[in-house]
C-alpha cells in the first residue's frame, strides 16, 4: 500500500497504524484471498491532515 510516511499496515491484524510525518492523500487498494483462492478487492482514499 502507498501510505503516507510514518504509517504502516500490520500484516497480522490489517490495522493501519503509526504517526504520520507528512500530510496528503493516498489511494490504496486492498486485496484479500481466501483459502479457496477467491479474491476480493476494495479501493479507498486515505486523507492525512495535521
C-alpha atoms as a PDB file:
ATOM      1  CA  UNK A   1       0.000   0.000   0.000  1.00  0.00           C
ATOM      2  CA  UNK A   2       1.080   3.508  -0.705  1.00  0.00           C
ATOM      3  CA  UNK A   3       0.703   5.001   2.781  1.00  0.00           C
ATOM      4  CA  UNK A   4       1.952   8.388   3.948  1.00  0.00           C
ATOM      5  CA  UNK A   5       5.374   8.352   5.647  1.00  0.00           C
ATOM      6  CA  UNK A   6       5.184   7.123   9.232  1.00  0.00           C
ATOM      7  CA  UNK A   7       2.193   4.800   8.689  1.00  0.00           C
ATOM      8  CA  UNK A   8       2.327   1.044   8.157  1.00  0.00           C
ATOM      9  CA  UNK A   9      -0.026  -1.934   7.886  1.00  0.00           C
ATOM     10  CA  UNK A  10       0.276  -4.684  10.482  1.00  0.00           C
ATOM     11  CA  UNK A  11       0.255  -7.814   8.307  1.00  0.00           C
ATOM     12  CA  UNK A  12      -1.262  -9.914  11.101  1.00  0.00           C
ATOM     13  CA  UNK A  13      -4.157  -7.656  12.097  1.00  0.00           C
ATOM     14  CA  UNK A  14      -4.535  -5.480   8.994  1.00  0.00           C
ATOM     15  CA  UNK A  15      -4.540  -2.366  11.179  1.00  0.00           C
ATOM     16  CA  UNK A  16      -3.027   0.812   9.738  1.00  0.00           C
ATOM     17  CA  UNK A  17      -1.060   2.496  12.497  1.00  0.00           C
ATOM     18  CA  UNK A  18       1.803   4.788  13.345  1.00  0.00           C
ATOM     19  CA  UNK A  19       2.343   8.530  13.434  1.00  0.00           C
ATOM     20  CA  UNK A  20       2.223  10.254  10.049  1.00  0.00           C
ATOM     21  CA  UNK A  21       5.115  12.615   9.362  1.00  0.00           C
ATOM     22  CA  UNK A  22       3.647  14.131   6.203  1.00  0.00           C
ATOM     23  CA  UNK A  23       0.148  15.166   5.175  1.00  0.00           C
ATOM     24  CA  UNK A  24      -1.523  14.173   1.960  1.00  0.00           C
ATOM     25  CA  UNK A  25      -3.928  11.958   0.114  1.00  0.00           C
ATOM     26  CA  UNK A  26      -3.190   8.392  -0.909  1.00  0.00           C
ATOM     27  CA  UNK A  27      -5.331   5.981  -2.869  1.00  0.00           C
ATOM     28  CA  UNK A  28      -4.892   2.378  -1.840  1.00  0.00           C
ATOM     29  CA  UNK A  29      -6.293  -0.950  -2.969  1.00  0.00           C
ATOM     30  CA  UNK A  30      -6.559  -3.844  -0.543  1.00  0.00           C
ATOM     31  CA  UNK A  31      -6.888  -7.339  -1.969  1.00  0.00           C
ATOM     32  CA  UNK A  32      -7.599 -10.464   0.062  1.00  0.00           C
ATOM     33  CA  UNK A  33      -7.542 -14.103  -0.997  1.00  0.00           C
ATOM     34  CA  UNK A  34      -9.323 -16.865   0.913  1.00  0.00           C
ATOM     35  CA  UNK A  35      -8.193 -20.471   1.333  1.00  0.00           C
ATOM     36  CA  UNK A  36     -10.220 -21.450  -1.744  1.00  0.00           C
ATOM     37  CA  UNK A  37      -8.399 -18.937  -3.933  1.00  0.00           C
ATOM     38  CA  UNK A  38     -11.276 -16.461  -4.223  1.00  0.00           C
ATOM     39  CA  UNK A  39     -10.192 -12.823  -4.266  1.00  0.00           C
ATOM     40  CA  UNK A  40     -11.866  -9.568  -3.337  1.00  0.00           C
ATOM     41  CA  UNK A  41     -10.551  -6.022  -3.625  1.00  0.00           C
ATOM     42  CA  UNK A  42     -11.566  -2.585  -2.420  1.00  0.00           C
ATOM     43  CA  UNK A  43     -10.038   0.807  -3.156  1.00  0.00           C
ATOM     44  CA  UNK A  44     -10.169   3.804  -0.848  1.00  0.00           C
ATOM     45  CA  UNK A  45      -8.589   7.197  -0.329  1.00  0.00           C
ATOM     46  CA  UNK A  46      -6.713   7.911   2.897  1.00  0.00           C
ATOM     47  CA  UNK A  47      -6.599  11.590   3.860  1.00  0.00           C
ATOM     48  CA  UNK A  48      -3.997  12.727   6.424  1.00  0.00           C
ATOM     49  CA  UNK A  49      -4.313  16.238   7.870  1.00  0.00           C
ATOM     50  CA  UNK A  50      -2.301  17.984  10.571  1.00  0.00           C
END
